[in-house]
Amino acid sequence: MKTLKEMLSHDRFAAEAGVELLEVREGYAKARMLVTEKHLNGGGVCQGGALFTLADLAFAAVANSRNQLTLSLNANITFLRAVSSGYVYAEAVETFNHAKIPFIEVRISDEEGCPVAVFTSSGYRKKTELNLESLM
């Protein structure tokens, strides 16, 4: 058996981007990423794909927090302001817990709590149980 945090640590792309899972409980997760030079685009701000990766891992933690394999069906992100350095945080909340198709909202903010982006996604819950020992 393993924890959900251990399972998600095998997401190599998110790990390479520096995404850390800070908290997971049923229907909620918080993750962070330190924005470094490797995250910056040609305009000198954090690349949208890096922010999407942060939000996507937080989504995965919430979506799978009910011990059932859940994969994303769709995702949308709206960028509100640019960030060039420091930590960014993603707080994910399951706003609609459906047996098959949950809906999750992820709010990304900077170290001061200012909004950076909003990510929404629905998932598909498969019949596969994860057999997790715990979430963290």
N, C-alpha and C. Protein backbone atom coordinates (compact mmCIF):
# COMPACT_ATOMS: atom_id res chain seq x y z
N MET A 1 0.83 -1.19 0.00
CA MET A 1 0.00 0.00 0.00
C MET A 1 0.87 1.25 0.00
N LYS A 2 0.29 2.34 -0.48
CA LYS A 2 1.03 3.59 -0.53
C LYS A 2 0.08 4.75 -0.26
N THR A 3 0.67 5.92 -0.11
CA THR A 3 -0.15 7.11 0.08
C THR A 3 -0.43 7.75 -1.28
N LEU A 4 -1.44 8.60 -1.32
CA LEU A 4 -1.73 9.33 -2.55
C LEU A 4 -0.56 10.24 -2.90
N LYS A 5 0.05 10.85 -1.89
CA LYS A 5 1.21 11.72 -2.14
C LYS A 5 2.34 10.93 -2.80
N GLU A 6 2.60 9.71 -2.35
CA GLU A 6 3.64 8.88 -2.97
C GLU A 6 3.26 8.52 -4.40
N MET A 7 2.00 8.19 -4.62
CA MET A 7 1.55 7.84 -5.97
C MET A 7 1.78 9.02 -6.92
N LEU A 8 1.41 10.21 -6.48
CA LEU A 8 1.53 11.39 -7.34
C LEU A 8 2.98 11.85 -7.49
N SER A 9 3.87 11.42 -6.60
CA SER A 9 5.28 11.78 -6.74
C SER A 9 5.88 11.11 -7.98
N HIS A 10 5.20 10.13 -8.54
CA HIS A 10 5.67 9.47 -9.75
C HIS A 10 5.28 10.23 -11.02
N ASP A 11 4.61 11.37 -10.85
CA ASP A 11 4.33 12.25 -11.99
C ASP A 11 5.64 12.97 -12.30
N ARG A 12 6.42 12.40 -13.19
CA ARG A 12 7.78 12.89 -13.44
C ARG A 12 7.80 14.32 -13.99
N PHE A 13 6.82 14.66 -14.82
CA PHE A 13 6.80 16.01 -15.39
C PHE A 13 6.60 17.05 -14.30
N ALA A 14 5.64 16.83 -13.42
CA ALA A 14 5.39 17.77 -12.32
C ALA A 14 6.59 17.83 -11.38
N ALA A 15 7.20 16.67 -11.10
CA ALA A 15 8.37 16.65 -10.22
C ALA A 15 9.52 17.43 -10.85
N GLU A 16 9.74 17.27 -12.14
CA GLU A 16 10.81 17.99 -12.84
C GLU A 16 10.55 19.50 -12.82
N ALA A 17 9.29 19.89 -12.85
CA ALA A 17 8.93 21.31 -12.79
C ALA A 17 9.07 21.88 -11.39
N GLY A 18 9.25 21.01 -10.39
CA GLY A 18 9.42 21.47 -9.02
C GLY A 18 8.13 21.57 -8.23
N VAL A 19 7.07 20.92 -8.68
CA VAL A 19 5.79 20.97 -7.97
C VAL A 19 5.86 20.08 -6.74
N GLU A 20 5.45 20.64 -5.60
CA GLU A 20 5.42 19.91 -4.32
C GLU A 20 3.98 19.86 -3.81
N LEU A 21 3.55 18.71 -3.38
CA LEU A 21 2.23 18.55 -2.79
C LEU A 21 2.36 18.82 -1.29
N LEU A 22 1.67 19.84 -0.79
CA LEU A 22 1.80 20.25 0.61
C LEU A 22 0.74 19.64 1.51
N GLU A 23 -0.47 19.49 0.99
CA GLU A 23 -1.59 19.03 1.81
C GLU A 23 -2.61 18.34 0.92
N VAL A 24 -3.17 17.26 1.43
CA VAL A 24 -4.27 16.58 0.73
C VAL A 24 -5.24 16.06 1.78
N ARG A 25 -6.48 16.36 1.59
CA ARG A 25 -7.55 15.73 2.35
C ARG A 25 -8.70 15.52 1.39
N GLU A 26 -9.68 14.76 1.77
CA GLU A 26 -10.77 14.45 0.85
C GLU A 26 -11.40 15.74 0.33
N GLY A 27 -11.33 15.92 -1.00
CA GLY A 27 -11.94 17.09 -1.63
C GLY A 27 -11.11 18.36 -1.61
N TYR A 28 -9.87 18.30 -1.12
CA TYR A 28 -9.03 19.51 -1.03
C TYR A 28 -7.56 19.12 -1.18
N ALA A 29 -6.79 19.99 -1.83
CA ALA A 29 -5.34 19.81 -1.91
C ALA A 29 -4.67 21.17 -2.08
N LYS A 30 -3.42 21.23 -1.64
CA LYS A 30 -2.61 22.43 -1.82
C LYS A 30 -1.23 22.00 -2.29
N ALA A 31 -0.73 22.69 -3.31
CA ALA A 31 0.59 22.40 -3.87
C ALA A 31 1.31 23.73 -4.08
N ARG A 32 2.62 23.65 -4.29
CA ARG A 32 3.39 24.87 -4.57
C ARG A 32 4.51 24.56 -5.54
N MET A 33 5.02 25.64 -6.13
CA MET A 33 6.15 25.53 -7.06
C MET A 33 6.96 26.82 -6.93
N LEU A 34 8.27 26.66 -6.85
CA LEU A 34 9.15 27.82 -6.81
C LEU A 34 9.46 28.21 -8.26
N VAL A 35 9.08 29.43 -8.64
CA VAL A 35 9.34 29.92 -9.99
C VAL A 35 10.81 30.32 -10.07
N THR A 36 11.52 29.66 -10.97
CA THR A 36 12.94 29.93 -11.18
C THR A 36 13.15 30.33 -12.64
N GLU A 37 14.39 30.58 -13.01
CA GLU A 37 14.69 30.96 -14.40
C GLU A 37 14.21 29.91 -15.40
N LYS A 38 14.25 28.63 -15.02
CA LYS A 38 13.83 27.57 -15.96
C LYS A 38 12.34 27.63 -16.27
N HIS A 39 11.55 28.35 -15.47
CA HIS A 39 10.11 28.47 -15.69
C HIS A 39 9.74 29.67 -16.56
N LEU A 40 10.69 30.55 -16.82
CA LEU A 40 10.37 31.81 -17.51
C LEU A 40 10.29 31.63 -19.02
N ASN A 41 9.34 32.34 -19.61
CA ASN A 41 9.20 32.34 -21.07
C ASN A 41 10.03 33.47 -21.66
N GLY A 42 9.90 33.68 -22.96
CA GLY A 42 10.66 34.72 -23.65
C GLY A 42 10.36 36.12 -23.15
N GLY A 43 9.20 36.31 -22.56
CA GLY A 43 8.83 37.62 -22.02
C GLY A 43 9.30 37.84 -20.59
N GLY A 44 9.97 36.83 -20.02
CA GLY A 44 10.51 36.97 -18.68
C GLY A 44 9.53 36.67 -17.56
N VAL A 45 8.41 36.05 -17.88
CA VAL A 45 7.43 35.69 -16.86
C VAL A 45 7.21 34.17 -16.88
N CYS A 46 6.62 33.66 -15.82
CA CYS A 46 6.41 32.22 -15.71
C CYS A 46 5.57 31.71 -16.87
N GLN A 47 6.07 30.70 -17.52
CA GLN A 47 5.42 30.09 -18.68
C GLN A 47 4.07 29.50 -18.25
N GLY A 48 3.06 29.69 -19.07
CA GLY A 48 1.72 29.20 -18.74
C GLY A 48 1.65 27.71 -18.51
N GLY A 49 2.44 26.95 -19.24
CA GLY A 49 2.46 25.50 -19.06
C GLY A 49 2.96 25.09 -17.69
N ALA A 50 3.87 25.86 -17.11
CA ALA A 50 4.37 25.56 -15.76
C ALA A 50 3.25 25.76 -14.74
N LEU A 51 2.50 26.85 -14.89
CA LEU A 51 1.37 27.10 -13.99
C LEU A 51 0.28 26.04 -14.18
N PHE A 52 0.05 25.63 -15.42
CA PHE A 52 -0.91 24.58 -15.71
C PHE A 52 -0.49 23.27 -15.03
N THR A 53 0.80 22.96 -15.07
CA THR A 53 1.31 21.73 -14.45
C THR A 53 1.09 21.76 -12.94
N LEU A 54 1.34 22.90 -12.31
CA LEU A 54 1.09 23.06 -10.88
C LEU A 54 -0.38 22.79 -10.57
N ALA A 55 -1.26 23.44 -11.32
CA ALA A 55 -2.70 23.27 -11.10
C ALA A 55 -3.15 21.84 -11.37
N ASP A 56 -2.59 21.23 -12.40
CA ASP A 56 -2.98 19.88 -12.78
C ASP A 56 -2.63 18.86 -11.70
N LEU A 57 -1.49 19.03 -11.03
CA LEU A 57 -1.13 18.09 -9.96
C LEU A 57 -2.07 18.29 -8.76
N ALA A 58 -2.41 19.54 -8.45
CA ALA A 58 -3.36 19.79 -7.36
C ALA A 58 -4.72 19.18 -7.71
N PHE A 59 -5.13 19.32 -8.97
CA PHE A 59 -6.36 18.68 -9.45
C PHE A 59 -6.29 17.17 -9.23
N ALA A 60 -5.19 16.55 -9.63
CA ALA A 60 -5.04 15.10 -9.51
C ALA A 60 -5.15 14.65 -8.06
N ALA A 61 -4.58 15.42 -7.14
CA ALA A 61 -4.66 15.07 -5.72
C ALA A 61 -6.10 15.08 -5.23
N VAL A 62 -6.83 16.12 -5.59
CA VAL A 62 -8.24 16.21 -5.17
C VAL A 62 -9.08 15.14 -5.85
N ALA A 63 -8.89 15.00 -7.14
CA ALA A 63 -9.71 14.06 -7.92
C ALA A 63 -9.55 12.63 -7.42
N ASN A 64 -8.35 12.27 -6.97
CA ASN A 64 -8.07 10.91 -6.50
C ASN A 64 -8.18 10.76 -4.98
N SER A 65 -8.57 11.82 -4.29
CA SER A 65 -8.62 11.80 -2.83
C SER A 65 -9.73 10.91 -2.28
N ARG A 66 -10.59 10.42 -3.15
CA ARG A 66 -11.68 9.54 -2.70
C ARG A 66 -11.34 8.07 -2.97
N ASN A 67 -10.03 7.81 -3.18
CA ASN A 67 -9.50 6.45 -3.31
C ASN A 67 -10.02 5.71 -4.55
N GLN A 68 -10.32 6.49 -5.58
CA GLN A 68 -10.79 5.91 -6.83
C GLN A 68 -10.04 6.60 -7.97
N LEU A 69 -9.45 5.81 -8.88
CA LEU A 69 -8.68 6.38 -9.98
C LEU A 69 -9.55 7.33 -10.79
N THR A 70 -9.11 8.59 -10.86
CA THR A 70 -9.85 9.63 -11.57
C THR A 70 -8.90 10.36 -12.51
N LEU A 71 -9.29 10.46 -13.76
CA LEU A 71 -8.49 11.11 -14.79
C LEU A 71 -9.23 12.33 -15.32
N SER A 72 -8.49 13.31 -15.77
CA SER A 72 -9.09 14.55 -16.28
C SER A 72 -9.83 14.32 -17.59
N LEU A 73 -11.01 14.91 -17.69
CA LEU A 73 -11.76 14.91 -18.95
C LEU A 73 -11.48 16.16 -19.76
N ASN A 74 -11.39 17.28 -19.06
CA ASN A 74 -11.09 18.55 -19.71
C ASN A 74 -10.48 19.49 -18.68
N ALA A 75 -9.86 20.54 -19.14
CA ALA A 75 -9.28 21.52 -18.24
C ALA A 75 -9.22 22.86 -18.93
N ASN A 76 -9.40 23.90 -18.14
CA ASN A 76 -9.35 25.26 -18.65
C ASN A 76 -8.58 26.12 -17.65
N ILE A 77 -7.74 26.99 -18.15
CA ILE A 77 -7.02 27.90 -17.26
C ILE A 77 -7.15 29.33 -17.77
N THR A 78 -7.36 30.23 -16.83
CA THR A 78 -7.39 31.66 -17.14
C THR A 78 -6.27 32.32 -16.35
N PHE A 79 -5.38 32.99 -17.06
CA PHE A 79 -4.26 33.67 -16.43
C PHE A 79 -4.69 35.08 -16.06
N LEU A 80 -4.50 35.46 -14.81
CA LEU A 80 -4.96 36.76 -14.32
C LEU A 80 -3.85 37.79 -14.22
N ARG A 81 -2.65 37.34 -13.86
CA ARG A 81 -1.49 38.24 -13.80
C ARG A 81 -0.22 37.44 -13.88
N ALA A 82 0.84 38.10 -14.28
CA ALA A 82 2.13 37.43 -14.47
C ALA A 82 2.89 37.36 -13.15
N VAL A 83 3.76 36.35 -13.08
CA VAL A 83 4.66 36.19 -11.94
C VAL A 83 6.01 35.77 -12.50
N SER A 84 7.09 36.29 -11.90
CA SER A 84 8.44 36.02 -12.42
C SER A 84 9.36 35.32 -11.44
N SER A 85 8.98 35.29 -10.17
CA SER A 85 9.83 34.66 -9.17
C SER A 85 9.02 34.34 -7.93
N GLY A 86 9.63 33.59 -7.02
CA GLY A 86 8.98 33.25 -5.76
C GLY A 86 8.07 32.03 -5.90
N TYR A 87 7.46 31.68 -4.78
CA TYR A 87 6.55 30.54 -4.78
C TYR A 87 5.19 30.93 -5.33
N VAL A 88 4.59 30.00 -6.05
CA VAL A 88 3.18 30.10 -6.41
C VAL A 88 2.49 28.89 -5.79
N TYR A 89 1.28 29.11 -5.34
CA TYR A 89 0.51 28.09 -4.63
C TYR A 89 -0.77 27.77 -5.39
N ALA A 90 -1.13 26.50 -5.40
CA ALA A 90 -2.37 26.07 -6.02
C ALA A 90 -3.24 25.43 -4.95
N GLU A 91 -4.43 25.98 -4.75
CA GLU A 91 -5.40 25.38 -3.82
C GLU A 91 -6.54 24.84 -4.65
N ALA A 92 -6.75 23.53 -4.52
CA ALA A 92 -7.76 22.84 -5.32
C ALA A 92 -8.91 22.39 -4.42
N VAL A 93 -10.13 22.62 -4.90
CA VAL A 93 -11.33 22.24 -4.15
C VAL A 93 -12.29 21.53 -5.09
N GLU A 94 -12.79 20.40 -4.64
CA GLU A 94 -13.82 19.70 -5.40
C GLU A 94 -15.14 20.42 -5.14
N THR A 95 -15.61 21.15 -6.14
CA THR A 95 -16.83 21.93 -5.96
C THR A 95 -18.09 21.12 -6.24
N PHE A 96 -17.94 19.99 -6.92
CA PHE A 96 -19.08 19.11 -7.18
C PHE A 96 -18.58 17.67 -7.14
N ASN A 97 -19.00 16.94 -6.11
CA ASN A 97 -18.60 15.55 -5.94
C ASN A 97 -19.65 14.65 -6.57
N HIS A 98 -19.37 14.20 -7.76
CA HIS A 98 -20.26 13.29 -8.48
C HIS A 98 -19.59 11.92 -8.52
N ALA A 99 -20.36 10.87 -8.47
CA ALA A 99 -19.82 9.51 -8.46
C ALA A 99 -18.96 9.22 -9.68
N LYS A 100 -19.25 9.80 -10.81
CA LYS A 100 -18.50 9.55 -12.05
C LYS A 100 -17.74 10.77 -12.56
N ILE A 101 -18.33 11.97 -12.45
CA ILE A 101 -17.72 13.14 -13.06
C ILE A 101 -17.65 14.30 -12.05
N PRO A 102 -16.57 14.32 -11.24
CA PRO A 102 -16.40 15.42 -10.28
C PRO A 102 -15.92 16.68 -10.99
N PHE A 103 -16.18 17.83 -10.38
CA PHE A 103 -15.73 19.11 -10.91
C PHE A 103 -14.84 19.77 -9.86
N ILE A 104 -13.68 20.24 -10.30
CA ILE A 104 -12.68 20.77 -9.38
C ILE A 104 -12.20 22.14 -9.86
N GLU A 105 -12.07 23.06 -8.92
CA GLU A 105 -11.54 24.40 -9.20
C GLU A 105 -10.22 24.57 -8.47
N VAL A 106 -9.22 25.11 -9.17
CA VAL A 106 -7.90 25.34 -8.59
C VAL A 106 -7.59 26.83 -8.73
N ARG A 107 -7.27 27.45 -7.61
CA ARG A 107 -6.88 28.86 -7.62
C ARG A 107 -5.39 28.94 -7.35
N ILE A 108 -4.68 29.61 -8.24
CA ILE A 108 -3.23 29.80 -8.10
C ILE A 108 -2.98 31.22 -7.62
N SER A 109 -2.14 31.35 -6.61
CA SER A 109 -1.81 32.67 -6.08
C SER A 109 -0.31 32.76 -5.82
N ASP A 110 0.18 33.99 -5.65
CA ASP A 110 1.59 34.19 -5.35
C ASP A 110 1.81 34.16 -3.84
N GLU A 111 3.01 34.48 -3.41
CA GLU A 111 3.36 34.42 -1.98
C GLU A 111 2.55 35.38 -1.13
N GLU A 112 2.09 36.47 -1.72
CA GLU A 112 1.28 37.45 -0.98
C GLU A 112 -0.21 37.13 -1.03
N GLY A 113 -0.57 36.06 -1.72
CA GLY A 113 -1.98 35.68 -1.82
C GLY A 113 -2.71 36.34 -2.97
N CYS A 114 -1.98 37.07 -3.83
CA CYS A 114 -2.61 37.71 -4.98
C CYS A 114 -2.91 36.66 -6.05
N PRO A 115 -4.08 36.73 -6.66
CA PRO A 115 -4.44 35.74 -7.69
C PRO A 115 -3.52 35.80 -8.90
N VAL A 116 -3.16 34.63 -9.41
CA VAL A 116 -2.33 34.50 -10.60
C VAL A 116 -3.11 33.83 -11.73
N ALA A 117 -3.88 32.79 -11.40
CA ALA A 117 -4.65 32.07 -12.42
C ALA A 117 -5.77 31.26 -11.74
N VAL A 118 -6.75 30.90 -12.55
CA VAL A 118 -7.84 30.01 -12.11
C VAL A 118 -7.94 28.88 -13.12
N PHE A 119 -7.96 27.67 -12.62
CA PHE A 119 -7.98 26.44 -13.43
C PHE A 119 -9.23 25.66 -13.02
N THR A 120 -9.98 25.20 -13.99
CA THR A 120 -11.13 24.35 -13.71
C THR A 120 -11.03 23.08 -14.53
N SER A 121 -11.50 21.98 -13.95
CA SER A 121 -11.42 20.70 -14.65
C SER A 121 -12.48 19.75 -14.13
N SER A 122 -12.98 18.94 -15.03
CA SER A 122 -13.83 17.83 -14.60
C SER A 122 -13.05 16.55 -14.86
N GLY A 123 -13.36 15.55 -14.07
CA GLY A 123 -12.66 14.28 -14.19
C GLY A 123 -13.62 13.14 -14.46
N TYR A 124 -13.05 11.99 -14.73
CA TYR A 124 -13.84 10.78 -14.90
C TYR A 124 -13.34 9.75 -13.89
N ARG A 125 -14.24 9.34 -12.99
CA ARG A 125 -13.89 8.34 -11.97
C ARG A 125 -14.09 6.95 -12.54
N LYS A 126 -12.98 6.24 -12.64
CA LYS A 126 -13.02 4.86 -13.12
C LYS A 126 -13.44 3.94 -11.97
N LYS A 127 -13.70 2.70 -12.28
CA LYS A 127 -14.08 1.73 -11.25
C LYS A 127 -12.89 1.24 -10.45
N THR A 128 -11.69 1.62 -10.85
CA THR A 128 -10.46 1.16 -10.22
C THR A 128 -10.24 1.83 -8.87
N GLU A 129 -10.18 1.02 -7.81
CA GLU A 129 -9.83 1.55 -6.49
C GLU A 129 -8.32 1.67 -6.40
N LEU A 130 -7.86 2.69 -5.68
CA LEU A 130 -6.42 2.94 -5.57
C LEU A 130 -5.77 2.15 -4.43
N ASN A 131 -6.55 1.65 -3.49
CA ASN A 131 -6.02 0.92 -2.34
C ASN A 131 -4.93 1.70 -1.62
N LEU A 132 -5.24 2.93 -1.29
CA LEU A 132 -4.28 3.80 -0.61
C LEU A 132 -4.30 3.56 0.89
N GLU A 133 -3.14 3.65 1.46
CA GLU A 133 -3.00 3.54 2.92
C GLU A 133 -3.52 4.82 3.58
N SER A 134 -3.18 5.97 2.97
CA SER A 134 -3.63 7.27 3.44
C SER A 134 -3.42 8.28 2.31
N LEU A 135 -3.87 9.52 2.55
CA LEU A 135 -3.70 10.54 1.52
C LEU A 135 -2.30 11.15 1.56
N MET A 136 -1.79 11.43 2.74
CA MET A 136 -0.46 12.02 2.87
C MET A 136 0.49 10.95 3.36
